[in-house]
Amino acid sequence: MRVMEWLFASGHAADLILGVLAIEALWLRCARAWGWGAILALLGPAALMILGLRAALTGAQWWWIALPLGLSLPLHLIDLRTRLDPQADR
């Protein structure tokens, strides 16, 4: 099996993306001095969507796909509220 086929069939492509998101979270925390709440609001929806993708790639039950996708919406709305509120500070 080729590497790309293996990455997607095993769900490890999603794992790589989650790793990049973790590195971005650490960078935002250490280099930009963001609070963990702001980081969670920004990257949380992406991480949850990638978890849903991983579940789909690995043939999980439908609720394992739907659950993280559904949970990503409230975090996304929190992020939007934070971004659109000029008083919000990171």
PDB file of N, CA and C in Angstrom:
ATOM      1  N   MET A   1       0.846  -1.174   0.000  1.00  0.00           N
ATOM      2  CA  MET A   1       0.000   0.000   0.000  1.00  0.00           C
ATOM      3  C   MET A   1       0.897   1.245   0.000  1.00  0.00           C
ATOM      4  N   ARG A   2       0.524   2.191  -0.776  1.00  0.00           N
ATOM      5  CA  ARG A   2       1.302   3.428  -0.839  1.00  0.00           C
ATOM      6  C   ARG A   2       1.117   4.252   0.432  1.00  0.00           C
ATOM      7  N   VAL A   3       2.045   5.135   0.645  1.00  0.00           N
ATOM      8  CA  VAL A   3       2.052   5.917   1.885  1.00  0.00           C
ATOM      9  C   VAL A   3       0.786   6.761   2.023  1.00  0.00           C
ATOM     10  N   MET A   4       0.402   7.469   0.977  1.00  0.00           N
ATOM     11  CA  MET A   4      -0.789   8.323   1.067  1.00  0.00           C
ATOM     12  C   MET A   4      -2.039   7.490   1.292  1.00  0.00           C
ATOM     13  N   GLU A   5      -2.138   6.356   0.611  1.00  0.00           N
ATOM     14  CA  GLU A   5      -3.288   5.477   0.823  1.00  0.00           C
ATOM     15  C   GLU A   5      -3.330   5.016   2.276  1.00  0.00           C
ATOM     16  N   TRP A   6      -2.186   4.631   2.803  1.00  0.00           N
ATOM     17  CA  TRP A   6      -2.107   4.171   4.187  1.00  0.00           C
ATOM     18  C   TRP A   6      -2.469   5.286   5.158  1.00  0.00           C
ATOM     19  N   LEU A   7      -1.953   6.506   4.897  1.00  0.00           N
ATOM     20  CA  LEU A   7      -2.251   7.628   5.789  1.00  0.00           C
ATOM     21  C   LEU A   7      -3.751   7.866   5.909  1.00  0.00           C
ATOM     22  N   PHE A   8      -4.448   7.814   4.789  1.00  0.00           N
ATOM     23  CA  PHE A   8      -5.878   8.093   4.821  1.00  0.00           C
ATOM     24  C   PHE A   8      -6.690   6.895   5.281  1.00  0.00           C
ATOM     25  N   ALA A   9      -6.327   5.695   4.868  1.00  0.00           N
ATOM     26  CA  ALA A   9      -7.072   4.497   5.272  1.00  0.00           C
ATOM     27  C   ALA A   9      -6.965   4.252   6.775  1.00  0.00           C
ATOM     28  N   SER A  10      -5.837   4.594   7.354  1.00  0.00           N
ATOM     29  CA  SER A  10      -5.629   4.364   8.787  1.00  0.00           C
ATOM     30  C   SER A  10      -6.097   5.537   9.646  1.00  0.00           C
ATOM     31  N   GLY A  11      -6.376   6.674   9.028  1.00  0.00           N
ATOM     32  CA  GLY A  11      -6.758   7.862   9.787  1.00  0.00           C
ATOM     33  C   GLY A  11      -5.576   8.675  10.273  1.00  0.00           C
ATOM     34  N   HIS A  12      -4.365   8.230   9.954  1.00  0.00           N
ATOM     35  CA  HIS A  12      -3.179   8.942  10.442  1.00  0.00           C
ATOM     36  C   HIS A  12      -2.990  10.303   9.767  1.00  0.00           C
ATOM     37  N   ALA A  13      -3.621  10.519   8.629  1.00  0.00           N
ATOM     38  CA  ALA A  13      -3.578  11.855   8.021  1.00  0.00           C
ATOM     39  C   ALA A  13      -4.221  12.863   8.977  1.00  0.00           C
ATOM     40  N   ALA A  14      -5.319  12.457   9.592  1.00  0.00           N
ATOM     41  CA  ALA A  14      -5.974  13.324  10.578  1.00  0.00           C
ATOM     42  C   ALA A  14      -5.085  13.517  11.803  1.00  0.00           C
ATOM     43  N   ASP A  15      -4.370  12.463  12.192  1.00  0.00           N
ATOM     44  CA  ASP A  15      -3.455  12.584  13.335  1.00  0.00           C
ATOM     45  C   ASP A  15      -2.366  13.615  13.068  1.00  0.00           C
ATOM     46  N   LEU A  16      -1.859  13.643  11.844  1.00  0.00           N
ATOM     47  CA  LEU A  16      -0.845  14.643  11.484  1.00  0.00           C
ATOM     48  C   LEU A  16      -1.407  16.058  11.602  1.00  0.00           C
ATOM     49  N   ILE A  17      -2.629  16.230  11.140  1.00  0.00           N
ATOM     50  CA  ILE A  17      -3.255  17.547  11.219  1.00  0.00           C
ATOM     51  C   ILE A  17      -3.465  17.942  12.679  1.00  0.00           C
ATOM     52  N   LEU A  18      -3.893  16.996  13.507  1.00  0.00           N
ATOM     53  CA  LEU A  18      -4.058  17.283  14.937  1.00  0.00           C
ATOM     54  C   LEU A  18      -2.725  17.665  15.578  1.00  0.00           C
ATOM     55  N   GLY A  19      -1.651  17.040  15.137  1.00  0.00           N
ATOM     56  CA  GLY A  19      -0.326  17.396  15.634  1.00  0.00           C
ATOM     57  C   GLY A  19       0.051  18.821  15.267  1.00  0.00           C
ATOM     58  N   VAL A  20      -0.263  19.218  14.041  1.00  0.00           N
ATOM     59  CA  VAL A  20       0.012  20.592  13.609  1.00  0.00           C
ATOM     60  C   VAL A  20      -0.816  21.578  14.433  1.00  0.00           C
ATOM     61  N   LEU A  21      -2.072  21.227  14.708  1.00  0.00           N
ATOM     62  CA  LEU A  21      -2.907  22.095  15.542  1.00  0.00           C
ATOM     63  C   LEU A  21      -2.340  22.218  16.956  1.00  0.00           C
ATOM     64  N   ALA A  22      -1.804  21.139  17.492  1.00  0.00           N
ATOM     65  CA  ALA A  22      -1.193  21.184  18.826  1.00  0.00           C
ATOM     66  C   ALA A  22       0.035  22.087  18.832  1.00  0.00           C
ATOM     67  N   ILE A  23       0.841  22.002  17.790  1.00  0.00           N
ATOM     68  CA  ILE A  23       2.018  22.874  17.681  1.00  0.00           C
ATOM     69  C   ILE A  23       1.582  24.331  17.576  1.00  0.00           C
ATOM     70  N   GLU A  24       0.526  24.587  16.799  1.00  0.00           N
ATOM     71  CA  GLU A  24       0.016  25.952  16.682  1.00  0.00           C
ATOM     72  C   GLU A  24      -0.485  26.462  18.032  1.00  0.00           C
ATOM     73  N   ALA A  25      -1.151  25.604  18.791  1.00  0.00           N
ATOM     74  CA  ALA A  25      -1.639  26.002  20.115  1.00  0.00           C
ATOM     75  C   ALA A  25      -0.479  26.384  21.028  1.00  0.00           C
ATOM     76  N   LEU A  26       0.566  25.587  21.018  1.00  0.00           N
ATOM     77  CA  LEU A  26       1.738  25.905  21.841  1.00  0.00           C
ATOM     78  C   LEU A  26       2.402  27.197  21.385  1.00  0.00           C
ATOM     79  N   TRP A  27       2.473  27.415  20.085  1.00  0.00           N
ATOM     80  CA  TRP A  27       3.058  28.644  19.564  1.00  0.00           C
ATOM     81  C   TRP A  27       2.228  29.855  19.999  1.00  0.00           C
ATOM     82  N   LEU A  28       0.900  29.748  19.884  1.00  0.00           N
ATOM     83  CA  LEU A  28       0.048  30.862  20.303  1.00  0.00           C
ATOM     84  C   LEU A  28       0.206  31.149  21.794  1.00  0.00           C
ATOM     85  N   ARG A  29       0.369  30.100  22.576  1.00  0.00           N
ATOM     86  CA  ARG A  29       0.516  30.263  24.026  1.00  0.00           C
ATOM     87  C   ARG A  29       1.874  30.861  24.388  1.00  0.00           C
ATOM     88  N   CYS A  30       2.933  30.318  23.817  1.00  0.00           N
ATOM     89  CA  CYS A  30       4.291  30.726  24.212  1.00  0.00           C
ATOM     90  C   CYS A  30       4.766  31.992  23.505  1.00  0.00           C
ATOM     91  N   ALA A  31       4.585  32.071  22.208  1.00  0.00           N
ATOM     92  CA  ALA A  31       5.126  33.192  21.443  1.00  0.00           C
ATOM     93  C   ALA A  31       4.190  34.393  21.420  1.00  0.00           C
ATOM     94  N   ARG A  32       2.901  34.150  21.444  1.00  0.00           N
ATOM     95  CA  ARG A  32       1.947  35.248  21.339  1.00  0.00           C
ATOM     96  C   ARG A  32       1.248  35.557  22.661  1.00  0.00           C
ATOM     97  N   ALA A  33       1.488  34.725  23.677  1.00  0.00           N
ATOM     98  CA  ALA A  33       0.927  34.909  25.029  1.00  0.00           C
ATOM     99  C   ALA A  33      -0.599  34.919  25.045  1.00  0.00           C
ATOM    100  N   TRP A  34      -1.207  34.100  24.212  1.00  0.00           N
ATOM    101  CA  TRP A  34      -2.660  33.963  24.218  1.00  0.00           C
ATOM    102  C   TRP A  34      -3.075  33.134  25.419  1.00  0.00           C
ATOM    103  N   GLY A  35      -4.263  33.384  25.905  1.00  0.00           N
ATOM    104  CA  GLY A  35      -4.826  32.565  26.970  1.00  0.00           C
ATOM    105  C   GLY A  35      -5.352  31.251  26.407  1.00  0.00           C
ATOM    106  N   TRP A  36      -5.444  30.253  27.290  1.00  0.00           N
ATOM    107  CA  TRP A  36      -5.915  28.942  26.837  1.00  0.00           C
ATOM    108  C   TRP A  36      -7.353  28.999  26.329  1.00  0.00           C
ATOM    109  N   GLY A  37      -8.172  29.873  26.897  1.00  0.00           N
ATOM    110  CA  GLY A  37      -9.556  30.002  26.434  1.00  0.00           C
ATOM    111  C   GLY A  37      -9.640  30.490  24.999  1.00  0.00           C
ATOM    112  N   ALA A  38      -8.828  31.485  24.666  1.00  0.00           N
ATOM    113  CA  ALA A  38      -8.815  32.003  23.298  1.00  0.00           C
ATOM    114  C   ALA A  38      -8.276  30.964  22.324  1.00  0.00           C
ATOM    115  N   ILE A  39      -7.280  30.215  22.760  1.00  0.00           N
ATOM    116  CA  ILE A  39      -6.719  29.165  21.901  1.00  0.00           C
ATOM    117  C   ILE A  39      -7.755  28.076  21.668  1.00  0.00           C
ATOM    118  N   LEU A  40      -8.461  27.691  22.725  1.00  0.00           N
ATOM    119  CA  LEU A  40      -9.494  26.667  22.584  1.00  0.00           C
ATOM    120  C   LEU A  40     -10.609  27.136  21.660  1.00  0.00           C
ATOM    121  N   ALA A  41     -11.005  28.398  21.789  1.00  0.00           N
ATOM    122  CA  ALA A  41     -12.057  28.933  20.924  1.00  0.00           C
ATOM    123  C   ALA A  41     -11.609  28.962  19.467  1.00  0.00           C
ATOM    124  N   LEU A  42     -10.335  29.245  19.233  1.00  0.00           N
ATOM    125  CA  LEU A  42      -9.827  29.322  17.865  1.00  0.00           C
ATOM    126  C   LEU A  42      -9.599  27.946  17.253  1.00  0.00           C
ATOM    127  N   LEU A  43      -8.913  27.076  17.974  1.00  0.00           N
ATOM    128  CA  LEU A  43      -8.497  25.795  17.403  1.00  0.00           C
ATOM    129  C   LEU A  43      -9.414  24.632  17.758  1.00  0.00           C
ATOM    130  N   GLY A  44     -10.249  24.806  18.771  1.00  0.00           N
ATOM    131  CA  GLY A  44     -11.147  23.732  19.183  1.00  0.00           C
ATOM    132  C   GLY A  44     -12.066  23.231  18.082  1.00  0.00           C
ATOM    133  N   PRO A  45     -12.752  24.139  17.366  1.00  0.00           N
ATOM    134  CA  PRO A  45     -13.620  23.657  16.294  1.00  0.00           C
ATOM    135  C   PRO A  45     -12.858  22.880  15.220  1.00  0.00           C
ATOM    136  N   ALA A  46     -11.686  23.334  14.878  1.00  0.00           N
ATOM    137  CA  ALA A  46     -10.886  22.625  13.867  1.00  0.00           C
ATOM    138  C   ALA A  46     -10.497  21.241  14.363  1.00  0.00           C
ATOM    139  N   ALA A  47     -10.075  21.160  15.624  1.00  0.00           N
ATOM    140  CA  ALA A  47      -9.687  19.860  16.178  1.00  0.00           C
ATOM    141  C   ALA A  47     -10.874  18.904  16.200  1.00  0.00           C
ATOM    142  N   LEU A  48     -12.041  19.403  16.575  1.00  0.00           N
ATOM    143  CA  LEU A  48     -13.223  18.543  16.600  1.00  0.00           C
ATOM    144  C   LEU A  48     -13.611  18.088  15.196  1.00  0.00           C
ATOM    145  N   MET A  49     -13.522  18.978  14.223  1.00  0.00           N
ATOM    146  CA  MET A  49     -13.837  18.572  12.848  1.00  0.00           C
ATOM    147  C   MET A  49     -12.847  17.528  12.340  1.00  0.00           C
ATOM    148  N   ILE A  50     -11.588  17.673  12.701  1.00  0.00           N
ATOM    149  CA  ILE A  50     -10.587  16.687  12.288  1.00  0.00           C
ATOM    150  C   ILE A  50     -10.833  15.354  12.987  1.00  0.00           C
ATOM    151  N   LEU A  51     -11.287  15.378  14.231  1.00  0.00           N
ATOM    152  CA  LEU A  51     -11.648  14.129  14.904  1.00  0.00           C
ATOM    153  C   LEU A  51     -12.816  13.448  14.189  1.00  0.00           C
ATOM    154  N   GLY A  52     -13.780  14.240  13.722  1.00  0.00           N
ATOM    155  CA  GLY A  52     -14.873  13.679  12.926  1.00  0.00           C
ATOM    156  C   GLY A  52     -14.368  13.090  11.621  1.00  0.00           C
ATOM    157  N   LEU A  53     -13.423  13.775  10.990  1.00  0.00           N
ATOM    158  CA  LEU A  53     -12.813  13.259   9.766  1.00  0.00           C
ATOM    159  C   LEU A  53     -12.105  11.944  10.038  1.00  0.00           C
ATOM    160  N   ARG A  54     -11.377  11.882  11.131  1.00  0.00           N
ATOM    161  CA  ARG A  54     -10.661  10.649  11.475  1.00  0.00           C
ATOM    162  C   ARG A  54     -11.637   9.498  11.680  1.00  0.00           C
ATOM    163  N   ALA A  55     -12.733   9.786  12.354  1.00  0.00           N
ATOM    164  CA  ALA A  55     -13.749   8.752  12.564  1.00  0.00           C
ATOM    165  C   ALA A  55     -14.314   8.271  11.228  1.00  0.00           C
ATOM    166  N   ALA A  56     -14.558   9.205  10.318  1.00  0.00           N
ATOM    167  CA  ALA A  56     -15.089   8.823   9.008  1.00  0.00           C
ATOM    168  C   ALA A  56     -14.075   8.007   8.212  1.00  0.00           C
ATOM    169  N   LEU A  57     -12.820   8.410   8.262  1.00  0.00           N
ATOM    170  CA  LEU A  57     -11.789   7.688   7.507  1.00  0.00           C
ATOM    171  C   LEU A  57     -11.591   6.262   8.007  1.00  0.00           C
ATOM    172  N   THR A  58     -11.798   6.059   9.291  1.00  0.00           N
ATOM    173  CA  THR A  58     -11.560   4.733   9.865  1.00  0.00           C
ATOM    174  C   THR A  58     -12.818   3.876   9.913  1.00  0.00           C
ATOM    175  N   GLY A  59     -13.921   4.378   9.368  1.00  0.00           N
ATOM    176  CA  GLY A  59     -15.141   3.580   9.299  1.00  0.00           C
ATOM    177  C   GLY A  59     -15.898   3.473  10.607  1.00  0.00           C
ATOM    178  N   ALA A  60     -15.820   4.499  11.429  1.00  0.00           N
ATOM    179  CA  ALA A  60     -16.507   4.490  12.723  1.00  0.00           C
ATOM    180  C   ALA A  60     -18.019   4.605  12.530  1.00  0.00           C
ATOM    181  N   GLN A  61     -18.747   4.309  13.592  1.00  0.00           N
ATOM    182  CA  GLN A  61     -20.202   4.466  13.577  1.00  0.00           C
ATOM    183  C   GLN A  61     -20.554   5.924  13.301  1.00  0.00           C
ATOM    184  N   TRP A  62     -21.738   6.177  12.781  1.00  0.00           N
ATOM    185  CA  TRP A  62     -22.114   7.526  12.366  1.00  0.00           C
ATOM    186  C   TRP A  62     -22.087   8.517  13.521  1.00  0.00           C
ATOM    187  N   TRP A  63     -22.434   8.078  14.734  1.00  0.00           N
ATOM    188  CA  TRP A  63     -22.471   9.039  15.843  1.00  0.00           C
ATOM    189  C   TRP A  63     -21.081   9.505  16.247  1.00  0.00           C
ATOM    190  N   TRP A  64     -20.051   8.690  15.989  1.00  0.00           N
ATOM    191  CA  TRP A  64     -18.677   9.135  16.267  1.00  0.00           C
ATOM    192  C   TRP A  64     -18.236  10.196  15.264  1.00  0.00           C
ATOM    193  N   ILE A  65     -18.900  10.229  14.122  1.00  0.00           N
ATOM    194  CA  ILE A  65     -18.627  11.279  13.138  1.00  0.00           C
ATOM    195  C   ILE A  65     -19.440  12.525  13.485  1.00  0.00           C
ATOM    196  N   ALA A  66     -20.716  12.318  13.810  1.00  0.00           N
ATOM    197  CA  ALA A  66     -21.622  13.438  14.072  1.00  0.00           C
ATOM    198  C   ALA A  66     -21.311  14.161  15.381  1.00  0.00           C
ATOM    199  N   LEU A  67     -20.901  13.432  16.402  1.00  0.00           N
ATOM    200  CA  LEU A  67     -20.677  14.038  17.718  1.00  0.00           C
ATOM    201  C   LEU A  67     -19.624  15.148  17.693  1.00  0.00           C
ATOM    202  N   PRO A  68     -18.408  14.899  17.210  1.00  0.00           N
ATOM    203  CA  PRO A  68     -17.441  16.008  17.206  1.00  0.00           C
ATOM    204  C   PRO A  68     -17.827  17.134  16.252  1.00  0.00           C
ATOM    205  N   LEU A  69     -18.495  16.790  15.152  1.00  0.00           N
ATOM    206  CA  LEU A  69     -18.933  17.852  14.245  1.00  0.00           C
ATOM    207  C   LEU A  69     -19.976  18.735  14.921  1.00  0.00           C
ATOM    208  N   GLY A  70     -20.909  18.118  15.637  1.00  0.00           N
ATOM    209  CA  GLY A  70     -21.916  18.890  16.356  1.00  0.00           C
ATOM    210  C   GLY A  70     -21.328  19.715  17.487  1.00  0.00           C
ATOM    211  N   LEU A  71     -20.346  19.173  18.179  1.00  0.00           N
ATOM    212  CA  LEU A  71     -19.713  19.903  19.279  1.00  0.00           C
ATOM    213  C   LEU A  71     -18.848  21.061  18.790  1.00  0.00           C
ATOM    214  N   SER A  72     -18.438  21.012  17.538  1.00  0.00           N
ATOM    215  CA  SER A  72     -17.595  22.093  17.022  1.00  0.00           C
ATOM    216  C   SER A  72     -18.376  23.392  16.843  1.00  0.00           C
ATOM    217  N   LEU A  73     -19.683  23.300  16.632  1.00  0.00           N
ATOM    218  CA  LEU A  73     -20.477  24.509  16.393  1.00  0.00           C
ATOM    219  C   LEU A  73     -20.465  25.477  17.576  1.00  0.00           C
ATOM    220  N   PRO A  74     -20.748  25.033  18.809  1.00  0.00           N
ATOM    221  CA  PRO A  74     -20.709  26.010  19.915  1.00  0.00           C
ATOM    222  C   PRO A  74     -19.345  26.683  20.078  1.00  0.00           C
ATOM    223  N   LEU A  75     -18.275  25.920  19.916  1.00  0.00           N
ATOM    224  CA  LEU A  75     -16.941  26.531  20.022  1.00  0.00           C
ATOM    225  C   LEU A  75     -16.709  27.534  18.897  1.00  0.00           C
ATOM    226  N   HIS A  76     -17.197  27.214  17.711  1.00  0.00           N
ATOM    227  CA  HIS A  76     -17.049  28.141  16.588  1.00  0.00           C
ATOM    228  C   HIS A  76     -17.826  29.430  16.865  1.00  0.00           C
ATOM    229  N   LEU A  77     -19.014  29.311  17.419  1.00  0.00           N
ATOM    230  CA  LEU A  77     -19.803  30.501  17.732  1.00  0.00           C
ATOM    231  C   LEU A  77     -19.134  31.346  18.813  1.00  0.00           C
ATOM    232  N   ILE A  78     -18.513  30.702  19.789  1.00  0.00           N
ATOM    233  CA  ILE A  78     -17.759  31.438  20.813  1.00  0.00           C
ATOM    234  C   ILE A  78     -16.601  32.189  20.163  1.00  0.00           C
ATOM    235  N   ASP A  79     -15.902  31.534  19.251  1.00  0.00           N
ATOM    236  CA  ASP A  79     -14.789  32.173  18.547  1.00  0.00           C
ATOM    237  C   ASP A  79     -15.282  33.372  17.746  1.00  0.00           C
ATOM    238  N   LEU A  80     -16.397  33.214  17.045  1.00  0.00           N
ATOM    239  CA  LEU A  80     -16.943  34.335  16.274  1.00  0.00           C
ATOM    240  C   LEU A  80     -17.307  35.504  17.180  1.00  0.00           C
ATOM    241  N   ARG A  81     -17.946  35.209  18.299  1.00  0.00           N
ATOM    242  CA  ARG A  81     -18.313  36.274  19.228  1.00  0.00           C
ATOM    243  C   ARG A  81     -17.075  37.009  19.727  1.00  0.00           C
ATOM    244  N   THR A  82     -16.034  36.260  20.028  1.00  0.00           N
ATOM    245  CA  THR A  82     -14.792  36.864  20.503  1.00  0.00           C
ATOM    246  C   THR A  82     -14.158  37.734  19.427  1.00  0.00           C
ATOM    247  N   ARG A  83     -14.160  37.257  18.207  1.00  0.00           N
ATOM    248  CA  ARG A  83     -13.536  38.016  17.119  1.00  0.00           C
ATOM    249  C   ARG A  83     -14.319  39.273  16.765  1.00  0.00           C
ATOM    250  N   LEU A  84     -15.642  39.201  16.862  1.00  0.00           N
ATOM    251  CA  LEU A  84     -16.468  40.336  16.471  1.00  0.00           C
ATOM    252  C   LEU A  84     -16.645  41.355  17.588  1.00  0.00           C
ATOM    253  N   ASP A  85     -16.282  40.989  18.810  1.00  0.00           N
ATOM    254  CA  ASP A  85     -16.395  41.899  19.944  1.00  0.00           C
ATOM    255  C   ASP A  85     -15.097  42.694  20.078  1.00  0.00           C
ATOM    256  N   PRO A  86     -15.144  44.003  19.835  1.00  0.00           N
ATOM    257  CA  PRO A  86     -13.900  44.787  19.909  1.00  0.00           C
ATOM    258  C   PRO A  86     -13.335  44.866  21.327  1.00  0.00           C
ATOM    259  N   GLN A  87     -14.151  44.593  22.340  1.00  0.00           N
ATOM    260  CA  GLN A  87     -13.689  44.647  23.723  1.00  0.00           C
ATOM    261  C   GLN A  87     -12.951  43.383  24.140  1.00  0.00           C
ATOM    262  N   ALA A  88     -13.104  42.316  23.356  1.00  0.00           N
ATOM    263  CA  ALA A  88     -12.495  41.032  23.733  1.00  0.00           C
ATOM    264  C   ALA A  88     -10.983  41.126  23.627  1.00  0.00           C
ATOM    265  N   ASP A  89     -10.319  40.599  24.639  1.00  0.00           N
ATOM    266  CA  ASP A  89      -8.858  40.584  24.604  1.00  0.00           C
ATOM    267  C   ASP A  89      -8.385  39.145  24.662  1.00  0.00           C
ATOM    268  N   ARG A  90      -7.273  38.916  24.049  1.00  0.00           N
ATOM    269  CA  ARG A  90      -6.707  37.576  24.014  1.00  0.00           C
ATOM    270  C   ARG A  90      -5.684  37.518  25.109  1.00  0.00           C
TER     271      ARG A  90
END
